[in-house]
Amino acid sequence: MSTWTTDPREALRAGPDFDLALFDPGGTPVFDGDKKDGESLMEQRGELLSELQERLYAEGRSGGTRSVLCVVQGLDTAGKGGVARHVMGMVDPQGVELRSFGVPTEEEAANHFLWRIRKALPRAGRIGVFDRSHYEDVLVQRVDSIVPEEVWRGRYDEINQFEKELVDGGTTVLKFALMVSYDEQGKRLMERLDRPDKYWKYSPGDLDTRSKWHQYQAAYADVFRLTSTEHAPWYVIPADRKWYSRVAITEIITRAMVDLGARWPEADFDVAQQRAALAATMSTEALRESLDETEDNVREAMEKSVEIREEALELHSGEPPRDNAEQQRKRWEAVLEEALAQKRQLLEERD
């Protein structure tokens, strides 16, 4: 199966030399394949992403403090909603916190522009997804002259400080800008007018925003230049091909989750004691059936864990994990033997 020729985080990152004027929204940078290949890879990555997300969620439930924040920006029709449906739809929804930011309410407008953002930050163990974000305050408010220039210009530094604070507190910040071409946006807006099931997505105000295309391009260029930092870089995603933007974002999130290295939390209770207490509430027949199923259940989980480890290792960008697959299997085997021995003993005591 075709895949990435290099880490897309490097290829799509808005570095110091990034020039939006030279950017191709219809391209498929560093992906060696077509739509079918992209969809196949996305399905494969979805299984890994789901496992990693569950581990992060379990970590958060067990006292961990880490989280992930995905900021998704883009003009109308760029595909922001598709990221939530097609990318985050592959993981357990209880571990995802989605928030959309539209025109500020009266209460939000009366507070600092980051006030509503802070209230929506993901809790520990969660992946937060912002459909639009605090960047509206240096995009829309700039282009539409909602606030004076000296106000929005001062916000870049505030945003950088805010995001550094998040990263220092244990939140991985991933920022995605879905950049669609002018022609492709026109076609997508026209489709909304052609289809009765899409009328609800269209607003006459979309034409007003479209008329300010060049102003928005200039505003986005400044966002990339001034807020793509080492701790919270921008990934500029070509969005004319929806399949590509989705697989690119999936890959970047998955690799970031791999680098987090979340593990299943250790039990904070005496497993053997709790197993004995639970067994005391079970019939002999049910306990014997549990014994018969133990080996298959544990070995299946073990092989899945090893498989996930090997796949993650291929994407890991830092130091390799301390343990290898064989060591991982030995730990699982030890747990299995303990469970089998205790259940057999419990059954013998009943005979």
Protein backbone atom coordinates (compact mmCIF):
# COMPACT_ATOMS: atom_id res chain seq x y z
CA MET A 1 0.00 0.00 0.00
CA SER A 2 1.30 3.45 -0.90
CA THR A 3 2.07 5.75 1.97
CA TRP A 4 4.04 8.81 3.04
CA THR A 5 7.46 9.38 1.53
CA THR A 6 8.44 11.43 4.59
CA ASP A 7 6.86 12.60 7.83
CA PRO A 8 3.98 14.91 6.80
CA ARG A 9 4.56 16.95 9.94
CA GLU A 10 7.76 18.21 8.37
CA ALA A 11 6.35 18.64 4.87
CA LEU A 12 3.18 20.48 5.90
CA ARG A 13 4.56 22.57 8.72
CA ALA A 14 4.54 26.34 8.19
CA GLY A 15 8.19 27.11 8.82
CA PRO A 16 10.05 30.43 8.57
CA ASP A 17 10.27 30.15 4.78
CA PHE A 18 6.62 29.23 4.19
CA ASP A 19 4.99 31.35 1.46
CA LEU A 20 1.21 31.05 1.16
CA ALA A 21 1.31 32.67 -2.28
CA LEU A 22 3.24 29.64 -3.57
CA PHE A 23 1.05 27.08 -1.81
CA ASP A 24 -0.91 24.60 -3.95
CA PRO A 25 -4.33 23.76 -2.40
CA GLY A 26 -4.77 20.97 -4.95
CA GLY A 27 -1.55 19.17 -4.15
CA THR A 28 -0.92 15.95 -2.24
CA PRO A 29 2.52 16.62 -0.71
CA VAL A 30 4.69 13.62 0.24
CA PHE A 31 1.88 11.11 -0.25
CA ASP A 32 2.75 8.37 -2.70
CA GLY A 33 -0.68 7.21 -3.77
CA ASP A 34 -4.18 8.09 -4.92
CA LYS A 35 -7.57 8.47 -3.25
CA LYS A 36 -8.03 4.71 -2.84
CA ASP A 37 -4.62 4.41 -1.21
CA GLY A 38 -5.40 7.32 1.08
CA GLU A 39 -8.68 5.82 2.22
CA SER A 40 -7.01 2.46 2.89
CA LEU A 41 -4.25 4.08 4.93
CA MET A 42 -6.77 6.16 6.85
CA GLU A 43 -8.68 3.02 7.81
CA GLN A 44 -5.46 1.38 8.98
CA ARG A 45 -4.39 4.43 10.96
CA GLY A 46 -7.86 4.68 12.45
CA GLU A 47 -7.36 1.41 14.33
CA LEU A 48 -4.07 2.64 15.77
CA LEU A 49 -5.46 6.09 16.59
CA SER A 50 -8.44 4.54 18.37
CA GLU A 51 -6.17 2.42 20.55
CA LEU A 52 -3.88 5.34 21.40
CA GLN A 53 -6.83 7.58 22.20
CA GLU A 54 -8.26 4.97 24.57
CA ARG A 55 -4.92 4.73 26.36
CA LEU A 56 -4.79 8.51 26.77
CA TYR A 57 -8.37 8.49 28.07
CA ALA A 58 -7.52 5.72 30.55
CA GLU A 59 -4.47 7.70 31.65
CA GLY A 60 -6.66 10.74 32.28
CA ARG A 61 -9.17 8.68 34.24
CA SER A 62 -6.30 7.43 36.42
CA GLY A 63 -4.93 10.82 37.40
CA GLY A 64 -2.94 11.78 34.31
CA THR A 65 -2.96 15.40 33.23
CA ARG A 66 -2.10 15.23 29.53
CA SER A 67 -4.48 16.10 26.71
CA VAL A 68 -4.46 16.97 23.01
CA LEU A 69 -5.96 20.05 21.37
CA CYS A 70 -6.62 20.10 17.62
CA VAL A 71 -7.30 23.58 16.26
CA VAL A 72 -9.00 23.45 12.85
CA GLN A 73 -9.23 26.65 10.81
CA GLY A 74 -10.26 27.34 7.23
CA LEU A 75 -12.59 29.39 5.09
CA ASP A 76 -16.12 28.21 4.26
CA THR A 77 -16.24 24.82 2.47
CA ALA A 78 -12.63 23.98 3.40
CA GLY A 79 -13.77 20.80 5.15
CA LYS A 80 -13.52 21.62 8.86
CA GLY A 81 -16.66 19.65 9.68
CA GLY A 82 -15.33 16.67 7.77
CA VAL A 83 -12.37 16.48 10.12
CA ALA A 84 -14.70 16.00 13.08
CA ARG A 85 -16.85 13.43 11.26
CA HIS A 86 -14.28 11.41 9.36
CA VAL A 87 -11.14 11.70 11.50
CA MET A 88 -12.41 11.93 15.05
CA GLY A 89 -15.32 9.67 14.12
CA MET A 90 -12.83 6.79 14.19
CA VAL A 91 -12.28 7.02 17.95
CA ASP A 92 -14.43 6.59 21.05
CA PRO A 93 -16.61 9.73 21.32
CA GLN A 94 -16.39 9.78 25.12
CA GLY A 95 -12.73 10.71 24.77
CA VAL A 96 -13.34 13.59 22.34
CA GLU A 97 -14.55 17.09 23.16
CA LEU A 98 -15.72 19.06 20.12
CA ARG A 99 -16.38 22.77 20.26
CA SER A 100 -17.35 25.19 17.48
CA PHE A 101 -16.73 28.92 17.79
CA GLY A 102 -18.98 31.28 15.89
CA VAL A 103 -19.77 34.94 16.37
CA PRO A 104 -19.10 35.75 20.06
CA THR A 105 -22.15 35.98 22.29
CA GLU A 106 -22.80 39.16 24.23
CA GLU A 107 -21.17 37.61 27.30
CA GLU A 108 -18.16 36.37 25.33
CA ALA A 109 -17.67 39.74 23.65
CA ALA A 110 -17.68 41.44 27.05
CA ASN A 111 -14.70 39.33 28.18
CA HIS A 112 -11.12 38.90 26.98
CA PHE A 113 -11.02 37.13 23.60
CA LEU A 114 -9.37 34.05 25.16
CA TRP A 115 -12.02 33.76 27.88
CA ARG A 116 -14.35 31.51 25.89
CA ILE A 117 -11.39 29.47 24.64
CA ARG A 118 -10.12 28.72 28.13
CA LYS A 119 -13.57 27.51 29.15
CA ALA A 120 -13.59 24.99 26.30
CA LEU A 121 -10.13 23.44 26.72
CA PRO A 122 -10.08 19.62 26.75
CA ARG A 123 -10.01 17.86 30.08
CA ALA A 124 -7.19 15.50 31.00
CA GLY A 125 -7.14 12.40 28.81
CA ARG A 126 -9.29 13.94 26.09
CA ILE A 127 -8.72 15.07 22.54
CA GLY A 128 -10.26 18.49 22.06
CA VAL A 129 -11.27 19.65 18.59
CA PHE A 130 -11.90 23.33 17.93
CA ASP A 131 -13.90 24.03 14.77
CA ARG A 132 -12.64 27.60 14.40
CA SER A 133 -10.92 29.02 17.44
CA HIS A 134 -9.14 31.98 19.01
CA TYR A 135 -7.68 32.63 15.56
CA GLU A 136 -11.02 34.09 14.50
CA ASP A 137 -9.92 37.08 16.56
CA VAL A 138 -7.01 37.78 14.20
CA LEU A 139 -8.81 36.68 11.04
CA VAL A 140 -12.49 37.70 10.96
CA GLN A 141 -12.06 40.57 13.38
CA ARG A 142 -9.15 41.87 11.32
CA VAL A 143 -10.72 41.50 7.87
CA ASP A 144 -14.10 42.88 8.94
CA SER A 145 -12.49 45.69 10.98
CA ILE A 146 -14.42 44.66 14.09
CA VAL A 147 -11.58 45.85 16.33
CA PRO A 148 -8.86 48.46 15.68
CA GLU A 149 -5.61 47.33 14.10
CA GLU A 150 -3.60 47.94 17.26
CA VAL A 151 -5.91 45.51 19.07
CA TRP A 152 -5.69 42.56 16.69
CA ARG A 153 -1.97 43.10 16.13
CA GLY A 154 -1.38 42.74 19.86
CA ARG A 155 -3.16 39.41 19.94
CA TYR A 156 -0.47 37.40 18.15
CA ASP A 157 1.87 37.58 21.13
CA GLU A 158 -0.99 36.81 23.51
CA ILE A 159 -1.88 33.73 21.48
CA ASN A 160 1.72 32.50 21.47
CA GLN A 161 1.98 32.94 25.24
CA PHE A 162 -1.37 31.21 25.76
CA GLU A 163 -0.40 28.21 23.65
CA LYS A 164 2.98 27.95 25.37
CA GLU A 165 1.12 27.87 28.67
CA LEU A 166 -1.03 25.00 27.38
CA VAL A 167 1.96 23.00 26.17
CA ASP A 168 3.83 23.54 29.43
CA GLY A 169 0.74 22.27 31.25
CA GLY A 170 0.68 18.98 29.34
CA THR A 171 -1.51 19.74 26.32
CA THR A 172 -0.21 18.84 22.88
CA VAL A 173 -1.39 21.59 20.52
CA LEU A 174 -1.93 20.63 16.86
CA LYS A 175 -3.05 23.44 14.54
CA PHE A 176 -4.47 22.64 11.11
CA ALA A 177 -5.27 25.22 8.45
CA LEU A 178 -7.37 23.75 5.65
CA MET A 179 -6.59 25.84 2.58
CA VAL A 180 -8.99 25.51 -0.33
CA SER A 181 -8.55 27.24 -3.70
CA TYR A 182 -10.84 30.04 -4.87
CA ASP A 183 -12.23 27.94 -7.72
CA GLU A 184 -12.84 24.89 -5.56
CA GLN A 185 -14.61 26.99 -2.95
CA GLY A 186 -16.86 28.37 -5.67
CA LYS A 187 -17.79 24.86 -6.82
CA ARG A 188 -18.55 23.70 -3.30
CA LEU A 189 -20.72 26.73 -2.59
CA MET A 190 -22.57 26.13 -5.86
CA GLU A 191 -23.23 22.53 -4.85
CA ARG A 192 -24.90 23.81 -1.69
CA LEU A 193 -27.23 25.88 -3.86
CA ASP A 194 -27.92 22.94 -6.18
CA ARG A 195 -28.89 20.46 -3.46
CA PRO A 196 -31.92 20.96 -1.19
CA ASP A 197 -30.21 18.89 1.51
CA LYS A 198 -27.36 21.43 1.55
CA TYR A 199 -29.37 24.67 1.69
CA TRP A 200 -28.92 24.80 5.46
CA LYS A 201 -25.15 25.01 5.01
CA TYR A 202 -25.37 28.06 2.75
CA SER A 203 -25.71 31.68 3.80
CA PRO A 204 -25.94 34.75 1.56
CA GLY A 205 -23.18 36.11 3.77
CA ASP A 206 -20.85 33.49 2.26
CA LEU A 207 -20.60 35.67 -0.84
CA ASP A 208 -19.55 38.65 1.24
CA THR A 209 -16.79 36.58 2.83
CA ARG A 210 -15.76 35.26 -0.59
CA SER A 211 -15.45 38.82 -1.89
CA LYS A 212 -12.73 39.36 0.75
CA TRP A 213 -10.65 36.41 -0.42
CA HIS A 214 -7.40 38.35 -0.79
CA GLN A 215 -7.79 40.03 2.59
CA TYR A 216 -8.24 36.63 4.20
CA GLN A 217 -5.20 35.23 2.40
CA ALA A 218 -3.13 38.10 3.77
CA ALA A 219 -4.54 37.53 7.26
CA TYR A 220 -3.74 33.81 7.12
CA ALA A 221 -0.23 34.54 5.87
CA ASP A 222 0.38 36.69 8.95
CA VAL A 223 -1.09 34.00 11.22
CA PHE A 224 1.37 31.44 9.84
CA ARG A 225 4.28 33.87 9.99
CA LEU A 226 3.63 35.09 13.52
CA THR A 227 2.10 32.12 15.36
CA SER A 228 3.67 28.98 13.89
CA THR A 229 5.97 28.28 16.81
CA GLU A 230 8.22 25.44 17.89
CA HIS A 231 5.78 24.44 20.63
CA ALA A 232 2.61 24.88 18.55
CA PRO A 233 3.32 24.85 14.80
CA TRP A 234 0.77 25.29 12.04
CA TYR A 235 0.21 22.47 9.58
CA VAL A 236 -1.07 23.94 6.33
CA ILE A 237 -3.22 21.30 4.64
CA PRO A 238 -4.12 21.35 0.92
CA ALA A 239 -7.91 21.00 1.00
CA ASP A 240 -9.07 20.78 -2.63
CA ARG A 241 -8.93 16.98 -2.34
CA LYS A 242 -10.92 16.08 0.75
CA TRP A 243 -9.50 12.58 0.95
CA TYR A 244 -5.98 13.99 1.16
CA SER A 245 -6.74 16.57 3.85
CA ARG A 246 -8.40 13.90 5.98
CA VAL A 247 -5.63 11.33 5.69
CA ALA A 248 -2.98 14.01 6.28
CA ILE A 249 -4.64 15.21 9.48
CA THR A 250 -5.20 11.62 10.60
CA GLU A 251 -1.51 10.87 10.09
CA ILE A 252 -0.33 13.95 11.96
CA ILE A 253 -2.63 13.33 14.94
CA THR A 254 -1.68 9.64 15.04
CA ARG A 255 2.04 10.39 15.01
CA ALA A 256 1.59 12.97 17.75
CA MET A 257 -0.31 10.40 19.83
CA VAL A 258 2.44 7.84 19.22
CA ASP A 259 5.02 10.30 20.51
CA LEU A 260 2.94 10.88 23.65
CA GLY A 261 3.48 7.22 24.46
CA ALA A 262 0.42 6.79 26.68
CA ARG A 263 0.37 3.40 28.43
CA TRP A 264 -2.38 1.43 30.11
CA PRO A 265 -2.40 2.55 33.77
CA GLU A 266 -1.22 0.10 36.41
CA ALA A 267 -3.89 -1.14 38.80
CA ASP A 268 -4.14 0.99 41.94
CA PHE A 269 -5.66 -1.94 43.85
CA ASP A 270 -4.69 -5.52 44.73
CA VAL A 271 -5.72 -7.47 41.61
CA ALA A 272 -5.54 -10.89 43.26
CA GLN A 273 -7.59 -9.72 46.22
CA GLN A 274 -10.27 -8.25 43.97
CA ARG A 275 -10.29 -11.36 41.77
CA ALA A 276 -10.92 -13.53 44.83
CA ALA A 277 -13.66 -11.21 46.08
CA LEU A 278 -15.37 -11.23 42.69
CA ALA A 279 -15.07 -15.00 42.38
CA ALA A 280 -16.87 -15.34 45.71
CA THR A 281 -19.94 -13.79 44.07
CA MET A 282 -19.85 -16.19 41.08
CA SER A 283 -21.25 -19.66 40.67
CA THR A 284 -18.79 -22.52 40.23
CA GLU A 285 -19.98 -22.96 36.65
CA ALA A 286 -19.42 -19.28 35.81
CA LEU A 287 -15.98 -19.29 37.44
CA ARG A 288 -14.99 -22.42 35.51
CA GLU A 289 -16.15 -20.80 32.25
CA SER A 290 -14.11 -17.72 33.13
CA LEU A 291 -11.05 -19.94 33.64
CA ASP A 292 -11.59 -21.59 30.26
CA GLU A 293 -11.80 -18.18 28.56
CA THR A 294 -8.86 -16.58 30.38
CA GLU A 295 -6.04 -17.73 28.13
CA ASP A 296 -7.77 -16.78 24.87
CA ASN A 297 -8.83 -13.39 26.23
CA VAL A 298 -5.42 -12.45 27.60
CA ARG A 299 -3.47 -13.75 24.61
CA GLU A 300 -5.73 -11.87 22.21
CA ALA A 301 -5.17 -8.66 24.17
CA MET A 302 -1.43 -9.38 24.34
CA GLU A 303 -1.07 -9.87 20.58
CA LYS A 304 -3.07 -6.72 19.90
CA SER A 305 -0.86 -4.77 22.31
CA VAL A 306 2.31 -6.06 20.64
CA GLU A 307 0.91 -5.34 17.17
CA ILE A 308 0.01 -1.78 18.20
CA ARG A 309 3.49 -1.34 19.66
CA GLU A 310 5.17 -2.46 16.44
CA GLU A 311 3.00 -0.22 14.26
CA ALA A 312 3.55 2.73 16.58
CA LEU A 313 7.29 2.10 16.61
CA GLU A 314 7.39 2.67 12.83
CA LEU A 315 5.94 6.16 13.35
CA HIS A 316 7.78 7.10 16.55
CA SER A 317 10.06 10.13 16.13
CA GLY A 318 11.89 10.13 19.47
CA GLU A 319 13.87 7.62 21.47
CA PRO A 320 12.65 4.03 20.98
CA PRO A 321 10.61 2.49 23.83
CA ARG A 322 12.62 0.89 26.62
CA ASP A 323 11.07 -2.55 26.20
CA ASN A 324 10.91 -4.73 23.11
CA ALA A 325 8.13 -7.02 21.91
CA GLU A 326 9.59 -10.05 23.67
CA GLN A 327 9.78 -8.26 27.01
CA GLN A 328 6.22 -7.07 26.53
CA ARG A 329 5.04 -10.63 25.89
CA LYS A 330 6.85 -11.89 29.00
CA ARG A 331 4.99 -9.39 31.18
CA TRP A 332 1.66 -10.45 29.71
CA GLU A 333 2.56 -14.13 30.15
CA ALA A 334 3.33 -13.53 33.82
CA VAL A 335 -0.04 -11.84 34.32
CA LEU A 336 -1.76 -14.72 32.51
CA GLU A 337 -0.09 -17.36 34.66
CA GLU A 338 -1.07 -15.54 37.84
CA ALA A 339 -4.71 -15.35 36.74
CA LEU A 340 -4.85 -19.00 35.70
CA ALA A 341 -3.18 -20.23 38.88
CA GLN A 342 -5.45 -18.23 41.16
CA LYS A 343 -8.65 -19.30 39.40
CA ARG A 344 -7.61 -22.95 39.51
CA GLN A 345 -6.88 -22.65 43.21
CA LEU A 346 -10.23 -20.98 43.86
CA LEU A 347 -12.02 -23.80 42.05
CA GLU A 348 -10.05 -26.47 43.93
CA GLU A 349 -11.09 -24.90 47.22
CA ARG A 350 -14.73 -25.40 46.22
CA ASP A 351 -14.32 -29.10 45.41
